[in-house]
Amino acid sequence: MKKALYVIGIGLLVGVVARILLPGVDPMGWFGTLIVGVLGSLLGGWISKKVGKPVTQGKLDWKSFGFMVLGAVILLIVIRMLF
């Protein structure tokens, strides 16, 4: 339960930061922002492994957070292109 709350909290924070960095009209509310944040975090972790800078699992630092936000911004761009 504690880990689920952690994922929800970090996902929502990442989603909000991504939407602030990429302003505009998005067809989603807070739940959509949460989903973008969680999926963007997963995408950011994958990107970090591909560029040779893997993030530390279970540890939140600036590098990890940056890759999470990068993944969420990329996901927002794809969503805007599709809708």
Foldseek 3Di string as FASTA:
>chain_A
DVVVVVLQVQLLVLLVVLCVVVPDDDPDDSVVSSVLLNQLLVQLQVVCVVVPNHDDPPDDDPSSSVSSNVSSNVVRVVRVVVD
